[in-house]
Protein backbone atom coordinates (compact mmCIF):
# COMPACT_ATOMS: atom_id res chain seq x y z
CA MET A 1 -17.99 -10.41 23.88
CA GLU A 2 -15.69 -9.24 21.39
CA SER A 3 -16.73 -5.75 20.51
CA GLU A 4 -15.94 -5.01 23.54
CA THR A 5 -12.82 -5.52 23.27
CA LEU A 6 -12.31 -3.76 19.51
CA ILE A 7 -9.89 -1.16 19.90
CA LYS A 8 -11.73 2.49 19.37
CA PRO A 9 -10.41 3.95 15.29
CA ASN A 10 -8.59 7.25 16.16
CA ILE A 11 -10.08 7.20 12.33
CA VAL A 12 -13.10 5.48 10.04
CA VAL A 13 -11.69 5.64 6.04
CA ASP A 14 -15.26 4.21 4.57
CA MET A 15 -13.72 3.17 0.80
CA THR A 16 -16.75 1.13 -0.03
CA GLY A 17 -17.37 0.93 -3.68
CA GLN A 18 -13.64 1.40 -4.29
CA VAL A 19 -11.76 -0.83 -6.48
CA CYS A 20 -8.49 -2.16 -5.47
CA PRO A 21 -5.80 -0.40 -5.08
CA HIS A 22 -7.88 2.89 -3.69
CA PRO A 23 -8.93 0.91 -0.70
CA LEU A 24 -4.99 0.44 0.70
CA LEU A 25 -3.72 3.39 -0.85
CA GLY A 26 -6.35 5.99 1.72
CA ALA A 27 -5.66 3.52 4.66
CA LYS A 28 -1.75 4.20 3.52
CA ARG A 29 -2.42 7.91 3.11
CA VAL A 30 -4.16 8.56 6.79
CA LEU A 31 -2.68 6.46 8.65
CA GLU A 32 1.19 8.22 7.10
CA ASP A 33 -0.46 11.23 9.42
CA MET A 34 -1.50 8.95 12.37
CA LYS A 35 1.18 8.25 15.48
CA THR A 36 2.29 4.82 16.79
CA GLY A 37 -0.17 2.75 18.67
CA GLU A 38 -3.44 4.97 16.59
CA ALA A 39 -6.10 2.64 14.98
CA LEU A 40 -7.68 3.36 11.91
CA LEU A 41 -10.65 1.37 10.98
CA LEU A 42 -11.29 0.93 7.42
CA LYS A 43 -14.39 -0.13 5.65
CA SER A 44 -13.88 -1.62 2.72
CA ASP A 45 -16.29 -4.35 -0.04
CA CYS A 46 -13.17 -4.66 -2.36
CA PRO A 47 -12.26 -8.40 -2.47
CA GLY A 48 -9.03 -7.83 -3.02
CA THR A 49 -8.16 -5.32 0.12
CA ARG A 50 -8.07 -8.83 2.92
CA ASP A 51 -4.56 -9.54 1.08
CA ASP A 52 -3.58 -6.50 0.47
CA LEU A 53 -3.90 -4.87 3.42
CA PHE A 54 -2.54 -7.81 5.56
CA SER A 55 0.67 -8.03 3.12
CA TRP A 56 1.40 -4.45 3.33
CA ALA A 57 1.04 -4.60 7.49
CA LYS A 58 2.94 -6.89 7.67
CA ALA A 59 6.17 -5.99 5.28
CA THR A 60 5.47 -1.94 6.82
CA GLY A 61 5.16 -2.94 11.27
CA ASN A 62 2.13 -2.20 11.03
CA GLU A 63 -0.78 -4.64 12.81
CA VAL A 64 -4.28 -5.25 11.00
CA THR A 65 -5.77 -6.69 14.51
CA HIS A 66 -8.97 -7.29 13.55
CA SER A 67 -11.34 -7.61 10.37
CA GLU A 68 -15.40 -7.91 10.92
CA LYS A 69 -17.45 -9.31 7.77
CA GLN A 70 -20.27 -6.50 8.15
CA PRO A 71 -24.43 -7.21 6.71
CA GLY A 72 -24.28 -5.88 2.77
CA GLY A 73 -20.52 -7.52 1.61
CA ALA A 74 -18.82 -4.59 3.13
CA THR A 75 -15.91 -5.81 5.66
CA GLU A 76 -14.30 -3.54 8.44
CA TYR A 77 -10.42 -3.60 9.48
CA TYR A 78 -9.42 -2.44 12.66
CA VAL A 79 -5.04 -0.87 12.09
CA CYS A 80 -3.34 -0.09 14.41
CA LYS A 81 0.20 1.93 13.44
CA GLY A 82 3.55 0.31 14.56
CA LYS A 83 6.39 1.99 14.45
CA LYS A 84 7.88 2.19 10.62
CA ALA A 85 9.55 -1.45 9.57
CA ALA A 86 12.79 0.05 7.41
CA ILE A 87 11.98 -1.74 3.71
CA ALA A 88 15.14 -3.02 2.80
CA PRO A 89 15.13 -3.40 -1.23
CA ASN A 90 16.83 -6.07 -3.80
CA VAL A 91 16.91 -3.20 -6.43
CA THR A 92 16.80 0.04 -6.97
CA LEU A 93 15.97 1.81 -10.31
CA ASP A 94 17.08 5.52 -10.77
CA VAL A 95 14.36 6.34 -13.84
CA THR A 96 14.12 10.87 -13.08
CA GLY A 97 13.72 12.61 -15.91
CA LEU A 98 12.05 10.29 -18.02
CA VAL A 99 8.79 10.06 -18.45
CA CYS A 100 4.88 7.85 -18.45
CA PRO A 101 4.81 5.39 -19.26
CA GLY A 102 8.62 4.55 -19.25
CA PRO A 103 9.07 4.44 -15.36
CA VAL A 104 6.58 1.32 -14.83
CA ILE A 105 8.18 -0.70 -19.04
CA GLU A 106 11.54 -0.29 -17.42
CA ALA A 107 10.54 -1.34 -14.15
CA ARG A 108 8.88 -4.69 -15.53
CA LYS A 109 11.83 -5.18 -17.80
CA ILE A 110 13.77 -5.40 -14.58
CA PHE A 111 11.12 -7.12 -12.07
CA ASN A 112 10.85 -9.89 -14.94
CA THR A 113 14.68 -10.77 -13.85
CA MET A 114 13.64 -10.90 -10.23
CA SER A 115 12.30 -13.50 -7.36
CA GLN A 116 9.26 -13.66 -5.98
CA GLY A 117 9.36 -11.59 -2.67
CA GLN A 118 12.16 -9.80 -3.68
CA ILE A 119 11.56 -5.50 -3.95
CA MET A 120 12.16 -2.84 -6.21
CA LYS A 121 13.27 1.00 -5.10
CA LEU A 122 11.99 2.82 -8.39
CA VAL A 123 12.58 6.54 -8.23
CA SER A 124 10.93 8.84 -10.53
CA THR A 125 10.08 12.30 -11.57
CA CYS A 126 7.02 12.02 -14.10
CA PRO A 127 4.33 12.81 -12.16
CA SER A 128 1.64 10.16 -13.98
CA THR A 129 3.96 7.19 -11.62
CA ARG A 130 2.54 6.88 -9.05
CA ASP A 131 -0.69 6.62 -10.41
CA GLU A 132 0.23 4.43 -13.35
CA VAL A 133 2.38 2.32 -10.15
CA GLY A 134 -0.55 1.93 -8.37
CA THR A 135 -2.77 0.22 -11.22
CA TRP A 136 0.59 -1.93 -12.70
CA CYS A 137 0.64 -2.80 -9.58
CA ALA A 138 -2.62 -3.89 -8.79
CA ALA A 139 -2.76 -5.71 -12.67
CA THR A 140 -0.45 -7.71 -12.45
CA GLY A 141 0.27 -9.27 -8.34
CA ASN A 142 2.45 -6.72 -7.11
CA VAL A 143 2.45 -4.81 -3.74
CA LEU A 144 2.97 -1.32 -3.68
CA LEU A 145 4.77 -0.95 0.05
CA GLU A 146 5.51 2.37 0.40
CA THR A 147 4.96 5.84 -1.76
CA GLN A 148 7.84 8.54 -0.70
CA GLU A 149 7.69 11.91 -1.78
CA ALA A 150 11.57 12.16 -1.64
CA GLY A 151 11.50 15.53 -2.46
CA PRO A 152 9.67 18.29 -4.73
CA GLY A 153 8.67 16.96 -7.80
CA THR A 154 10.89 12.68 -7.18
CA TRP A 155 8.75 10.42 -6.11
CA THR A 156 10.42 6.63 -4.22
CA PHE A 157 8.20 3.13 -5.14
CA PHE A 158 8.86 0.76 -2.69
CA ILE A 159 7.22 -2.95 -5.04
CA ARG A 160 7.06 -6.43 -3.68
CA LYS A 161 6.97 -8.48 -6.37
CA GLY A 162 4.48 -10.61 -6.28
């Protein structure tokens, strides 16, 4: 039986009813505090979660070990935390001091010159940038690979052009 071979999750995150990018963001936040080798069970009924999760896992050294559609429309994703892969950006854009929506507007200008698959490191001090970057990525097909708090009030985003 396949269910007997599944890794028992350390944490379950139920994001059913949430639309992208929220299921991925929820999984990322929980996985950040987990140890290498621990497993997360993410439940989501958003159709975009599959592509986002698999793409993000591949880029970050985590692994989606199993996914299974459940009655009612949700899918369960088993994610094993791997060693953190270093993200090597192709472009760095430091917009510290620029208020929203400025950081996303400037990032969009640079993204227009980048090739698909390239990665931007965006540094911002605007508190709203966290929400705006996630919304922008979801709307444009770009992938928010990682968000880091670089210091008090300073955020670094790694975004792959989709």
